[in-house]
Amino acid sequence: MLNAGRETSSPGTELSENQAMKEKERLIKELKLITEERNDLRDRLRFLTERSKNYRPHFRPNPYYEDLERMEEAVMSILHNLEMENTEIHENSHKLQKEITFSR
């Protein structure tokens, strides 16, 4: 009876050992990925906090960019209004020209 008990328990432990090994491998892979991501983020943070004026990236955001966008919107609005007025004046001029021609 003791042998029978040992035989039934050993496949169960083998299965759990296999599962434990697979879980261990999965966790090791996940830990490596997390470590790589952490190191990448740490490098980015170091770059942003410790950089000097000489080592700034080539692209620097313009601090006046929002102001320039607002000015562009205002200019485009004025341009649109002028184009609409120009079309209206052109149409009125064309109508007046027809009336002048008809009156002659």
PDB file of N, CA and C in Angstrom:
ATOM      1  N   MET A   1       0.801  -1.177   0.000  1.00  0.00           N
ATOM      2  CA  MET A   1       0.000   0.000   0.000  1.00  0.00           C
ATOM      3  C   MET A   1       0.859   1.262   0.000  1.00  0.00           C
ATOM      4  N   LEU A   2       1.959   1.206   0.674  1.00  0.00           N
ATOM      5  CA  LEU A   2       2.815   2.365   0.711  1.00  0.00           C
ATOM      6  C   LEU A   2       3.358   2.664  -0.673  1.00  0.00           C
ATOM      7  N   ASN A   3       3.696   1.648  -1.449  1.00  0.00           N
ATOM      8  CA  ASN A   3       4.194   1.853  -2.806  1.00  0.00           C
ATOM      9  C   ASN A   3       3.123   2.456  -3.699  1.00  0.00           C
ATOM     10  N   ALA A   4       1.908   1.994  -3.545  1.00  0.00           N
ATOM     11  CA  ALA A   4       0.813   2.507  -4.359  1.00  0.00           C
ATOM     12  C   ALA A   4       0.613   3.988  -4.081  1.00  0.00           C
ATOM     13  N   GLY A   5       0.713   4.389  -2.842  1.00  0.00           N
ATOM     14  CA  GLY A   5       0.555   5.791  -2.477  1.00  0.00           C
ATOM     15  C   GLY A   5       1.669   6.632  -3.070  1.00  0.00           C
ATOM     16  N   ARG A   6       2.872   6.073  -3.099  1.00  0.00           N
ATOM     17  CA  ARG A   6       3.995   6.816  -3.651  1.00  0.00           C
ATOM     18  C   ARG A   6       3.868   6.958  -5.160  1.00  0.00           C
ATOM     19  N   GLU A   7       3.366   5.951  -5.825  1.00  0.00           N
ATOM     20  CA  GLU A   7       3.236   6.017  -7.283  1.00  0.00           C
ATOM     21  C   GLU A   7       2.206   7.071  -7.695  1.00  0.00           C
ATOM     22  N   THR A   8       1.125   7.158  -6.959  1.00  0.00           N
ATOM     23  CA  THR A   8       0.106   8.140  -7.332  1.00  0.00           C
ATOM     24  C   THR A   8       0.568   9.560  -7.022  1.00  0.00           C
ATOM     25  N   SER A   9       1.374   9.726  -5.993  1.00  0.00           N
ATOM     26  CA  SER A   9       1.795  11.074  -5.651  1.00  0.00           C
ATOM     27  C   SER A   9       2.926  11.555  -6.556  1.00  0.00           C
ATOM     28  N   SER A  10       3.754  10.689  -7.076  1.00  0.00           N
ATOM     29  CA  SER A  10       4.883  11.117  -7.894  1.00  0.00           C
ATOM     30  C   SER A  10       4.457  11.729  -9.222  1.00  0.00           C
ATOM     31  N   PRO A  11       3.470  11.194  -9.992  1.00  0.00           N
ATOM     32  CA  PRO A  11       3.066  11.894 -11.225  1.00  0.00           C
ATOM     33  C   PRO A  11       2.489  13.268 -10.930  1.00  0.00           C
ATOM     34  N   GLY A  12       1.808  13.397  -9.813  1.00  0.00           N
ATOM     35  CA  GLY A  12       1.273  14.690  -9.430  1.00  0.00           C
ATOM     36  C   GLY A  12       2.384  15.676  -9.147  1.00  0.00           C
ATOM     37  N   THR A  13       3.440  15.264  -8.497  1.00  0.00           N
ATOM     38  CA  THR A  13       4.552  16.156  -8.217  1.00  0.00           C
ATOM     39  C   THR A  13       5.333  16.458  -9.484  1.00  0.00           C
ATOM     40  N   GLU A  14       5.442  15.463 -10.384  1.00  0.00           N
ATOM     41  CA  GLU A  14       6.110  15.739 -11.668  1.00  0.00           C
ATOM     42  C   GLU A  14       5.339  16.797 -12.438  1.00  0.00           C
ATOM     43  N   LEU A  15       4.041  16.672 -12.478  1.00  0.00           N
ATOM     44  CA  LEU A  15       3.213  17.637 -13.176  1.00  0.00           C
ATOM     45  C   LEU A  15       3.352  19.015 -12.534  1.00  0.00           C
ATOM     46  N   SER A  16       3.331  19.065 -11.239  1.00  0.00           N
ATOM     47  CA  SER A  16       3.464  20.349 -10.579  1.00  0.00           C
ATOM     48  C   SER A  16       4.878  20.888 -10.742  1.00  0.00           C
ATOM     49  N   GLU A  17       5.893  20.028 -10.794  1.00  0.00           N
ATOM     50  CA  GLU A  17       7.260  20.480 -11.032  1.00  0.00           C
ATOM     51  C   GLU A  17       7.398  21.036 -12.446  1.00  0.00           C
ATOM     52  N   ASN A  18       6.773  20.361 -13.420  1.00  0.00           N
ATOM     53  CA  ASN A  18       6.793  20.866 -14.800  1.00  0.00           C
ATOM     54  C   ASN A  18       6.085  22.223 -14.881  1.00  0.00           C
ATOM     55  N   GLN A  19       4.963  22.288 -14.215  1.00  0.00           N
ATOM     56  CA  GLN A  19       4.241  23.563 -14.212  1.00  0.00           C
ATOM     57  C   GLN A  19       5.060  24.641 -13.507  1.00  0.00           C
ATOM     58  N   ALA A  20       5.728  24.272 -12.428  1.00  0.00           N
ATOM     59  CA  ALA A  20       6.551  25.225 -11.698  1.00  0.00           C
ATOM     60  C   ALA A  20       7.706  25.700 -12.567  1.00  0.00           C
ATOM     61  N   MET A  21       8.335  24.799 -13.324  1.00  0.00           N
ATOM     62  CA  MET A  21       9.437  25.179 -14.209  1.00  0.00           C
ATOM     63  C   MET A  21       8.947  26.119 -15.309  1.00  0.00           C
ATOM     64  N   LYS A  22       7.788  25.791 -15.901  1.00  0.00           N
ATOM     65  CA  LYS A  22       7.227  26.651 -16.936  1.00  0.00           C
ATOM     66  C   LYS A  22       6.890  28.030 -16.373  1.00  0.00           C
ATOM     67  N   GLU A  23       6.297  28.050 -15.191  1.00  0.00           N
ATOM     68  CA  GLU A  23       5.955  29.319 -14.547  1.00  0.00           C
ATOM     69  C   GLU A  23       7.217  30.106 -14.228  1.00  0.00           C
ATOM     70  N   LYS A  24       8.249  29.408 -13.766  1.00  0.00           N
ATOM     71  CA  LYS A  24       9.522  30.061 -13.457  1.00  0.00           C
ATOM     72  C   LYS A  24      10.118  30.689 -14.710  1.00  0.00           C
ATOM     73  N   GLU A  25      10.112  29.961 -15.836  1.00  0.00           N
ATOM     74  CA  GLU A  25      10.636  30.490 -17.100  1.00  0.00           C
ATOM     75  C   GLU A  25       9.829  31.695 -17.567  1.00  0.00           C
ATOM     76  N   ARG A  26       8.510  31.604 -17.423  1.00  0.00           N
ATOM     77  CA  ARG A  26       7.651  32.714 -17.821  1.00  0.00           C
ATOM     78  C   ARG A  26       7.943  33.949 -16.974  1.00  0.00           C
ATOM     79  N   LEU A  27       8.094  33.747 -15.678  1.00  0.00           N
ATOM     80  CA  LEU A  27       8.375  34.868 -14.787  1.00  0.00           C
ATOM     81  C   LEU A  27       9.752  35.468 -15.058  1.00  0.00           C
ATOM     82  N   ILE A  28      10.732  34.628 -15.395  1.00  0.00           N
ATOM     83  CA  ILE A  28      12.070  35.128 -15.718  1.00  0.00           C
ATOM     84  C   ILE A  28      12.016  35.995 -16.974  1.00  0.00           C
ATOM     85  N   LYS A  29      11.290  35.536 -18.013  1.00  0.00           N
ATOM     86  CA  LYS A  29      11.142  36.327 -19.237  1.00  0.00           C
ATOM     87  C   LYS A  29      10.451  37.659 -18.945  1.00  0.00           C
ATOM     88  N   GLU A  30       9.394  37.592 -18.154  1.00  0.00           N
ATOM     89  CA  GLU A  30       8.654  38.811 -17.814  1.00  0.00           C
ATOM     90  C   GLU A  30       9.533  39.777 -17.022  1.00  0.00           C
ATOM     91  N   LEU A  31      10.321  39.239 -16.099  1.00  0.00           N
ATOM     92  CA  LEU A  31      11.230  40.071 -15.314  1.00  0.00           C
ATOM     93  C   LEU A  31      12.277  40.736 -16.197  1.00  0.00           C
ATOM     94  N   LYS A  32      12.798  40.004 -17.189  1.00  0.00           N
ATOM     95  CA  LYS A  32      13.773  40.577 -18.116  1.00  0.00           C
ATOM     96  C   LYS A  32      13.165  41.724 -18.907  1.00  0.00           C
ATOM     97  N   LEU A  33      11.936  41.528 -19.394  1.00  0.00           N
ATOM     98  CA  LEU A  33      11.266  42.584 -20.152  1.00  0.00           C
ATOM     99  C   LEU A  33      11.016  43.816 -19.284  1.00  0.00           C
ATOM    100  N   ILE A  34      10.565  43.598 -18.065  1.00  0.00           N
ATOM    101  CA  ILE A  34      10.299  44.714 -17.163  1.00  0.00           C
ATOM    102  C   ILE A  34      11.590  45.448 -16.831  1.00  0.00           C
ATOM    103  N   THR A  35      12.678  44.684 -16.635  1.00  0.00           N
ATOM    104  CA  THR A  35      13.970  45.295 -16.330  1.00  0.00           C
ATOM    105  C   THR A  35      14.461  46.132 -17.502  1.00  0.00           C
ATOM    106  N   GLU A  36      14.311  45.623 -18.721  1.00  0.00           N
ATOM    107  CA  GLU A  36      14.716  46.385 -19.909  1.00  0.00           C
ATOM    108  C   GLU A  36      13.909  47.672 -20.019  1.00  0.00           C
ATOM    109  N   GLU A  37      12.611  47.571 -19.792  1.00  0.00           N
ATOM    110  CA  GLU A  37      11.754  48.761 -19.867  1.00  0.00           C
ATOM    111  C   GLU A  37      12.146  49.770 -18.790  1.00  0.00           C
ATOM    112  N   ARG A  38      12.418  49.290 -17.580  1.00  0.00           N
ATOM    113  CA  ARG A  38      12.831  50.177 -16.502  1.00  0.00           C
ATOM    114  C   ARG A  38      14.142  50.889 -16.847  1.00  0.00           C
ATOM    115  N   ASN A  39      15.093  50.131 -17.377  1.00  0.00           N
ATOM    116  CA  ASN A  39      16.380  50.729 -17.741  1.00  0.00           C
ATOM    117  C   ASN A  39      16.213  51.774 -18.840  1.00  0.00           C
ATOM    118  N   ASP A  40      15.353  51.484 -19.814  1.00  0.00           N
ATOM    119  CA  ASP A  40      15.091  52.441 -20.886  1.00  0.00           C
ATOM    120  C   ASP A  40      14.469  53.721 -20.330  1.00  0.00           C
ATOM    121  N   LEU A  41      13.484  53.570 -19.461  1.00  0.00           N
ATOM    122  CA  LEU A  41      12.840  54.739 -18.865  1.00  0.00           C
ATOM    123  C   LEU A  41      13.808  55.514 -17.981  1.00  0.00           C
ATOM    124  N   ARG A  42      14.671  54.809 -17.269  1.00  0.00           N
ATOM    125  CA  ARG A  42      15.672  55.471 -16.428  1.00  0.00           C
ATOM    126  C   ARG A  42      16.641  56.278 -17.293  1.00  0.00           C
ATOM    127  N   ASP A  43      17.057  55.696 -18.439  1.00  0.00           N
ATOM    128  CA  ASP A  43      17.951  56.423 -19.345  1.00  0.00           C
ATOM    129  C   ASP A  43      17.277  57.667 -19.907  1.00  0.00           C
ATOM    130  N   ARG A  44      16.009  57.543 -20.262  1.00  0.00           N
ATOM    131  CA  ARG A  44      15.281  58.707 -20.780  1.00  0.00           C
ATOM    132  C   ARG A  44      15.179  59.803 -19.727  1.00  0.00           C
ATOM    133  N   LEU A  45      14.870  59.399 -18.499  1.00  0.00           N
ATOM    134  CA  LEU A  45      14.758  60.372 -17.414  1.00  0.00           C
ATOM    135  C   LEU A  45      16.101  61.046 -17.166  1.00  0.00           C
ATOM    136  N   ARG A  46      17.168  60.271 -17.164  1.00  0.00           N
ATOM    137  CA  ARG A  46      18.503  60.837 -16.959  1.00  0.00           C
ATOM    138  C   ARG A  46      18.827  61.822 -18.064  1.00  0.00           C
ATOM    139  N   PHE A  47      18.485  61.461 -19.306  1.00  0.00           N
ATOM    140  CA  PHE A  47      18.744  62.360 -20.438  1.00  0.00           C
ATOM    141  C   PHE A  47      18.002  63.671 -20.265  1.00  0.00           C
ATOM    142  N   LEU A  48      16.746  63.597 -19.846  1.00  0.00           N
ATOM    143  CA  LEU A  48      15.941  64.809 -19.714  1.00  0.00           C
ATOM    144  C   LEU A  48      16.354  65.668 -18.530  1.00  0.00           C
ATOM    145  N   THR A  49      16.785  65.050 -17.444  1.00  0.00           N
ATOM    146  CA  THR A  49      17.089  65.831 -16.248  1.00  0.00           C
ATOM    147  C   THR A  49      18.538  66.299 -16.195  1.00  0.00           C
ATOM    148  N   GLU A  50      19.459  65.586 -16.812  1.00  0.00           N
ATOM    149  CA  GLU A  50      20.869  65.911 -16.662  1.00  0.00           C
ATOM    150  C   GLU A  50      21.506  66.551 -17.896  1.00  0.00           C
ATOM    151  N   ARG A  51      20.754  66.736 -18.937  1.00  0.00           N
ATOM    152  CA  ARG A  51      21.366  67.262 -20.158  1.00  0.00           C
ATOM    153  C   ARG A  51      21.768  68.727 -19.979  1.00  0.00           C
ATOM    154  N   SER A  52      22.822  69.090 -20.644  1.00  0.00           N
ATOM    155  CA  SER A  52      23.265  70.479 -20.592  1.00  0.00           C
ATOM    156  C   SER A  52      22.813  71.184 -21.860  1.00  0.00           C
ATOM    157  N   LYS A  53      23.073  72.456 -21.958  1.00  0.00           N
ATOM    158  CA  LYS A  53      22.653  73.219 -23.127  1.00  0.00           C
ATOM    159  C   LYS A  53      23.326  72.715 -24.396  1.00  0.00           C
ATOM    160  N   ASN A  54      24.537  72.181 -24.266  1.00  0.00           N
ATOM    161  CA  ASN A  54      25.269  71.700 -25.448  1.00  0.00           C
ATOM    162  C   ASN A  54      24.708  70.391 -25.988  1.00  0.00           C
ATOM    163  N   TYR A  55      24.008  69.652 -25.174  1.00  0.00           N
ATOM    164  CA  TYR A  55      23.537  68.328 -25.587  1.00  0.00           C
ATOM    165  C   TYR A  55      22.032  68.269 -25.777  1.00  0.00           C
ATOM    166  N   ARG A  56      21.416  69.385 -26.053  1.00  0.00           N
ATOM    167  CA  ARG A  56      19.975  69.387 -26.301  1.00  0.00           C
ATOM    168  C   ARG A  56      19.676  68.730 -27.637  1.00  0.00           C
ATOM    169  N   PRO A  57      18.505  68.135 -27.770  1.00  0.00           N
ATOM    170  CA  PRO A  57      18.168  67.527 -29.062  1.00  0.00           C
ATOM    171  C   PRO A  57      17.995  68.594 -30.135  1.00  0.00           C
ATOM    172  N   HIS A  58      18.072  68.173 -31.373  1.00  0.00           N
ATOM    173  CA  HIS A  58      17.987  69.107 -32.488  1.00  0.00           C
ATOM    174  C   HIS A  58      16.637  69.802 -32.547  1.00  0.00           C
ATOM    175  N   PHE A  59      15.572  69.067 -32.250  1.00  0.00           N
ATOM    176  CA  PHE A  59      14.242  69.668 -32.294  1.00  0.00           C
ATOM    177  C   PHE A  59      13.884  70.186 -30.915  1.00  0.00           C
ATOM    178  N   ARG A  60      13.699  71.477 -30.816  1.00  0.00           N
ATOM    179  CA  ARG A  60      13.250  72.081 -29.569  1.00  0.00           C
ATOM    180  C   ARG A  60      11.894  72.720 -29.822  1.00  0.00           C
ATOM    181  N   PRO A  61      10.915  72.440 -28.986  1.00  0.00           N
ATOM    182  CA  PRO A  61       9.604  73.060 -29.206  1.00  0.00           C
ATOM    183  C   PRO A  61       9.694  74.574 -29.032  1.00  0.00           C
ATOM    184  N   ASN A  62       9.001  75.266 -29.899  1.00  0.00           N
ATOM    185  CA  ASN A  62       8.978  76.724 -29.858  1.00  0.00           C
ATOM    186  C   ASN A  62       8.056  77.161 -28.723  1.00  0.00           C
ATOM    187  N   PRO A  63       8.559  77.961 -27.775  1.00  0.00           N
ATOM    188  CA  PRO A  63       7.696  78.375 -26.667  1.00  0.00           C
ATOM    189  C   PRO A  63       6.558  79.271 -27.127  1.00  0.00           C
ATOM    190  N   TYR A  64       6.687  79.879 -28.281  1.00  0.00           N
ATOM    191  CA  TYR A  64       5.646  80.769 -28.792  1.00  0.00           C
ATOM    192  C   TYR A  64       4.731  80.071 -29.792  1.00  0.00           C
ATOM    193  N   TYR A  65       4.809  78.748 -29.851  1.00  0.00           N
ATOM    194  CA  TYR A  65       4.055  77.993 -30.855  1.00  0.00           C
ATOM    195  C   TYR A  65       2.552  78.230 -30.736  1.00  0.00           C
ATOM    196  N   GLU A  66       2.021  78.192 -29.515  1.00  0.00           N
ATOM    197  CA  GLU A  66       0.577  78.407 -29.336  1.00  0.00           C
ATOM    198  C   GLU A  66       0.170  79.807 -29.775  1.00  0.00           C
ATOM    199  N   ASP A  67       1.008  80.790 -29.456  1.00  0.00           N
ATOM    200  CA  ASP A  67       0.716  82.157 -29.899  1.00  0.00           C
ATOM    201  C   ASP A  67       0.713  82.243 -31.418  1.00  0.00           C
ATOM    202  N   LEU A  68       1.673  81.578 -32.035  1.00  0.00           N
ATOM    203  CA  LEU A  68       1.733  81.577 -33.497  1.00  0.00           C
ATOM    204  C   LEU A  68       0.513  80.894 -34.101  1.00  0.00           C
ATOM    205  N   GLU A  69       0.055  79.815 -33.472  1.00  0.00           N
ATOM    206  CA  GLU A  69      -1.148  79.135 -33.966  1.00  0.00           C
ATOM    207  C   GLU A  69      -2.362  80.063 -33.886  1.00  0.00           C
ATOM    208  N   ARG A  70      -2.521  80.776 -32.760  1.00  0.00           N
ATOM    209  CA  ARG A  70      -3.644  81.707 -32.621  1.00  0.00           C
ATOM    210  C   ARG A  70      -3.569  82.824 -33.655  1.00  0.00           C
ATOM    211  N   MET A  71      -2.348  83.343 -33.874  1.00  0.00           N
ATOM    212  CA  MET A  71      -2.179  84.393 -34.874  1.00  0.00           C
ATOM    213  C   MET A  71      -2.514  83.867 -36.264  1.00  0.00           C
ATOM    214  N   GLU A  72      -2.111  82.638 -36.561  1.00  0.00           N
ATOM    215  CA  GLU A  72      -2.415  82.051 -37.867  1.00  0.00           C
ATOM    216  C   GLU A  72      -3.921  81.915 -38.049  1.00  0.00           C
ATOM    217  N   GLU A  73      -4.620  81.468 -37.004  1.00  0.00           N
ATOM    218  CA  GLU A  73      -6.078  81.338 -37.086  1.00  0.00           C
ATOM    219  C   GLU A  73      -6.719  82.695 -37.353  1.00  0.00           C
ATOM    220  N   ALA A  74      -6.240  83.726 -36.677  1.00  0.00           N
ATOM    221  CA  ALA A  74      -6.802  85.067 -36.870  1.00  0.00           C
ATOM    222  C   ALA A  74      -6.550  85.553 -38.294  1.00  0.00           C
ATOM    223  N   VAL A  75      -5.334  85.360 -38.793  1.00  0.00           N
ATOM    224  CA  VAL A  75      -5.000  85.796 -40.153  1.00  0.00           C
ATOM    225  C   VAL A  75      -5.813  85.015 -41.177  1.00  0.00           C
ATOM    226  N   MET A  76      -5.960  83.702 -40.960  1.00  0.00           N
ATOM    227  CA  MET A  76      -6.746  82.897 -41.897  1.00  0.00           C
ATOM    228  C   MET A  76      -8.211  83.324 -41.884  1.00  0.00           C
ATOM    229  N   SER A  77      -8.726  83.697 -40.720  1.00  0.00           N
ATOM    230  CA  SER A  77     -10.107  84.179 -40.618  1.00  0.00           C
ATOM    231  C   SER A  77     -10.265  85.490 -41.393  1.00  0.00           C
ATOM    232  N   ILE A  78      -9.331  86.405 -41.215  1.00  0.00           N
ATOM    233  CA  ILE A  78      -9.370  87.678 -41.945  1.00  0.00           C
ATOM    234  C   ILE A  78      -9.284  87.431 -43.446  1.00  0.00           C
ATOM    235  N   LEU A  79      -8.388  86.531 -43.847  1.00  0.00           N
ATOM    236  CA  LEU A  79      -8.237  86.208 -45.269  1.00  0.00           C
ATOM    237  C   LEU A  79      -9.533  85.648 -45.841  1.00  0.00           C
ATOM    238  N   HIS A  80     -10.168  84.761 -45.084  1.00  0.00           N
ATOM    239  CA  HIS A  80     -11.434  84.187 -45.537  1.00  0.00           C
ATOM    240  C   HIS A  80     -12.493  85.281 -45.694  1.00  0.00           C
ATOM    241  N   ASN A  81     -12.571  86.189 -44.705  1.00  0.00           N
ATOM    242  CA  ASN A  81     -13.551  87.286 -44.788  1.00  0.00           C
ATOM    243  C   ASN A  81     -13.280  88.169 -46.003  1.00  0.00           C
ATOM    244  N   LEU A  82     -12.010  88.468 -46.265  1.00  0.00           N
ATOM    245  CA  LEU A  82     -11.668  89.291 -47.428  1.00  0.00           C
ATOM    246  C   LEU A  82     -12.021  88.590 -48.738  1.00  0.00           C
ATOM    247  N   GLU A  83     -11.791  87.292 -48.791  1.00  0.00           N
ATOM    248  CA  GLU A  83     -12.154  86.545 -50.004  1.00  0.00           C
ATOM    249  C   GLU A  83     -13.662  86.574 -50.227  1.00  0.00           C
ATOM    250  N   MET A  84     -14.440  86.437 -49.136  1.00  0.00           N
ATOM    251  CA  MET A  84     -15.897  86.473 -49.263  1.00  0.00           C
ATOM    252  C   MET A  84     -16.358  87.866 -49.721  1.00  0.00           C
ATOM    253  N   GLU A  85     -15.762  88.908 -49.145  1.00  0.00           N
ATOM    254  CA  GLU A  85     -16.103  90.270 -49.562  1.00  0.00           C
ATOM    255  C   GLU A  85     -15.733  90.496 -51.028  1.00  0.00           C
ATOM    256  N   ASN A  86     -14.587  90.000 -51.436  1.00  0.00           N
ATOM    257  CA  ASN A  86     -14.133  90.138 -52.817  1.00  0.00           C
ATOM    258  C   ASN A  86     -15.108  89.463 -53.775  1.00  0.00           C
ATOM    259  N   THR A  87     -15.582  88.268 -53.405  1.00  0.00           N
ATOM    260  CA  THR A  87     -16.550  87.573 -54.253  1.00  0.00           C
ATOM    261  C   THR A  87     -17.849  88.367 -54.338  1.00  0.00           C
ATOM    262  N   GLU A  88     -18.309  88.886 -53.203  1.00  0.00           N
ATOM    263  CA  GLU A  88     -19.530  89.682 -53.175  1.00  0.00           C
ATOM    264  C   GLU A  88     -19.398  90.928 -54.049  1.00  0.00           C
ATOM    265  N   ILE A  89     -18.290  91.635 -53.898  1.00  0.00           N
ATOM    266  CA  ILE A  89     -18.054  92.854 -54.680  1.00  0.00           C
ATOM    267  C   ILE A  89     -17.976  92.525 -56.159  1.00  0.00           C
ATOM    268  N   HIS A  90     -17.318  91.414 -56.484  1.00  0.00           N
ATOM    269  CA  HIS A  90     -17.212  91.007 -57.885  1.00  0.00           C
ATOM    270  C   HIS A  90     -18.602  90.720 -58.467  1.00  0.00           C
ATOM    271  N   GLU A  91     -19.441  90.023 -57.710  1.00  0.00           N
ATOM    272  CA  GLU A  91     -20.803  89.716 -58.174  1.00  0.00           C
ATOM    273  C   GLU A  91     -21.615  91.006 -58.344  1.00  0.00           C
ATOM    274  N   ASN A  92     -21.524  91.911 -57.365  1.00  0.00           N
ATOM    275  CA  ASN A  92     -22.244  93.181 -57.456  1.00  0.00           C
ATOM    276  C   ASN A  92     -21.755  94.001 -58.655  1.00  0.00           C
ATOM    277  N   SER A  93     -20.462  93.996 -58.849  1.00  0.00           N
ATOM    278  CA  SER A  93     -19.884  94.716 -59.983  1.00  0.00           C
ATOM    279  C   SER A  93     -20.395  94.133 -61.295  1.00  0.00           C
ATOM    280  N   HIS A  94     -20.465  92.823 -61.360  1.00  0.00           N
ATOM    281  CA  HIS A  94     -20.958  92.166 -62.566  1.00  0.00           C
ATOM    282  C   HIS A  94     -22.429  92.522 -62.812  1.00  0.00           C
ATOM    283  N   LYS A  95     -23.237  92.542 -61.747  1.00  0.00           N
ATOM    284  CA  LYS A  95     -24.645  92.923 -61.883  1.00  0.00           C
ATOM    285  C   LYS A  95     -24.770  94.378 -62.351  1.00  0.00           C
ATOM    286  N   LEU A  96     -24.000  95.276 -61.753  1.00  0.00           N
ATOM    287  CA  LEU A  96     -24.035  96.683 -62.145  1.00  0.00           C
ATOM    288  C   LEU A  96     -23.605  96.862 -63.605  1.00  0.00           C
ATOM    289  N   GLN A  97     -22.597  96.096 -64.006  1.00  0.00           N
ATOM    290  CA  GLN A  97     -22.144  96.161 -65.402  1.00  0.00           C
ATOM    291  C   GLN A  97     -23.254  95.734 -66.350  1.00  0.00           C
ATOM    292  N   LYS A  98     -24.015  94.703 -65.988  1.00  0.00           N
ATOM    293  CA  LYS A  98     -25.149  94.248 -66.809  1.00  0.00           C
ATOM    294  C   LYS A  98     -26.201  95.346 -66.890  1.00  0.00           C
ATOM    295  N   GLU A  99     -26.499  95.997 -65.763  1.00  0.00           N
ATOM    296  CA  GLU A  99     -27.496  97.065 -65.752  1.00  0.00           C
ATOM    297  C   GLU A  99     -27.056  98.238 -66.604  1.00  0.00           C
ATOM    298  N   ILE A 100     -25.773  98.592 -66.528  1.00  0.00           N
ATOM    299  CA  ILE A 100     -25.243  99.697 -67.335  1.00  0.00           C
ATOM    300  C   ILE A 100     -25.361  99.356 -68.809  1.00  0.00           C
ATOM    301  N   THR A 101     -25.011  98.128 -69.138  1.00  0.00           N
ATOM    302  CA  THR A 101     -25.092  97.703 -70.539  1.00  0.00           C
ATOM    303  C   THR A 101     -26.545  97.709 -70.998  1.00  0.00           C
ATOM    304  N   PHE A 102     -27.473  97.234 -70.162  1.00  0.00           N
ATOM    305  CA  PHE A 102     -28.876  97.216 -70.530  1.00  0.00           C
ATOM    306  C   PHE A 102     -29.432  98.627 -70.686  1.00  0.00           C
ATOM    307  N   SER A 103     -29.000  99.555 -69.842  1.00  0.00           N
ATOM    308  CA  SER A 103     -29.493 100.935 -69.896  1.00  0.00           C
ATOM    309  C   SER A 103     -29.036 101.631 -71.171  1.00  0.00           C
ATOM    310  N   ARG A 104     -27.888 101.298 -71.695  1.00  0.00           N
ATOM    311  CA  ARG A 104     -27.403 101.951 -72.898  1.00  0.00           C
ATOM    312  C   ARG A 104     -28.228 101.496 -74.043  1.00  0.00           C
TER     313      ARG A 104
END
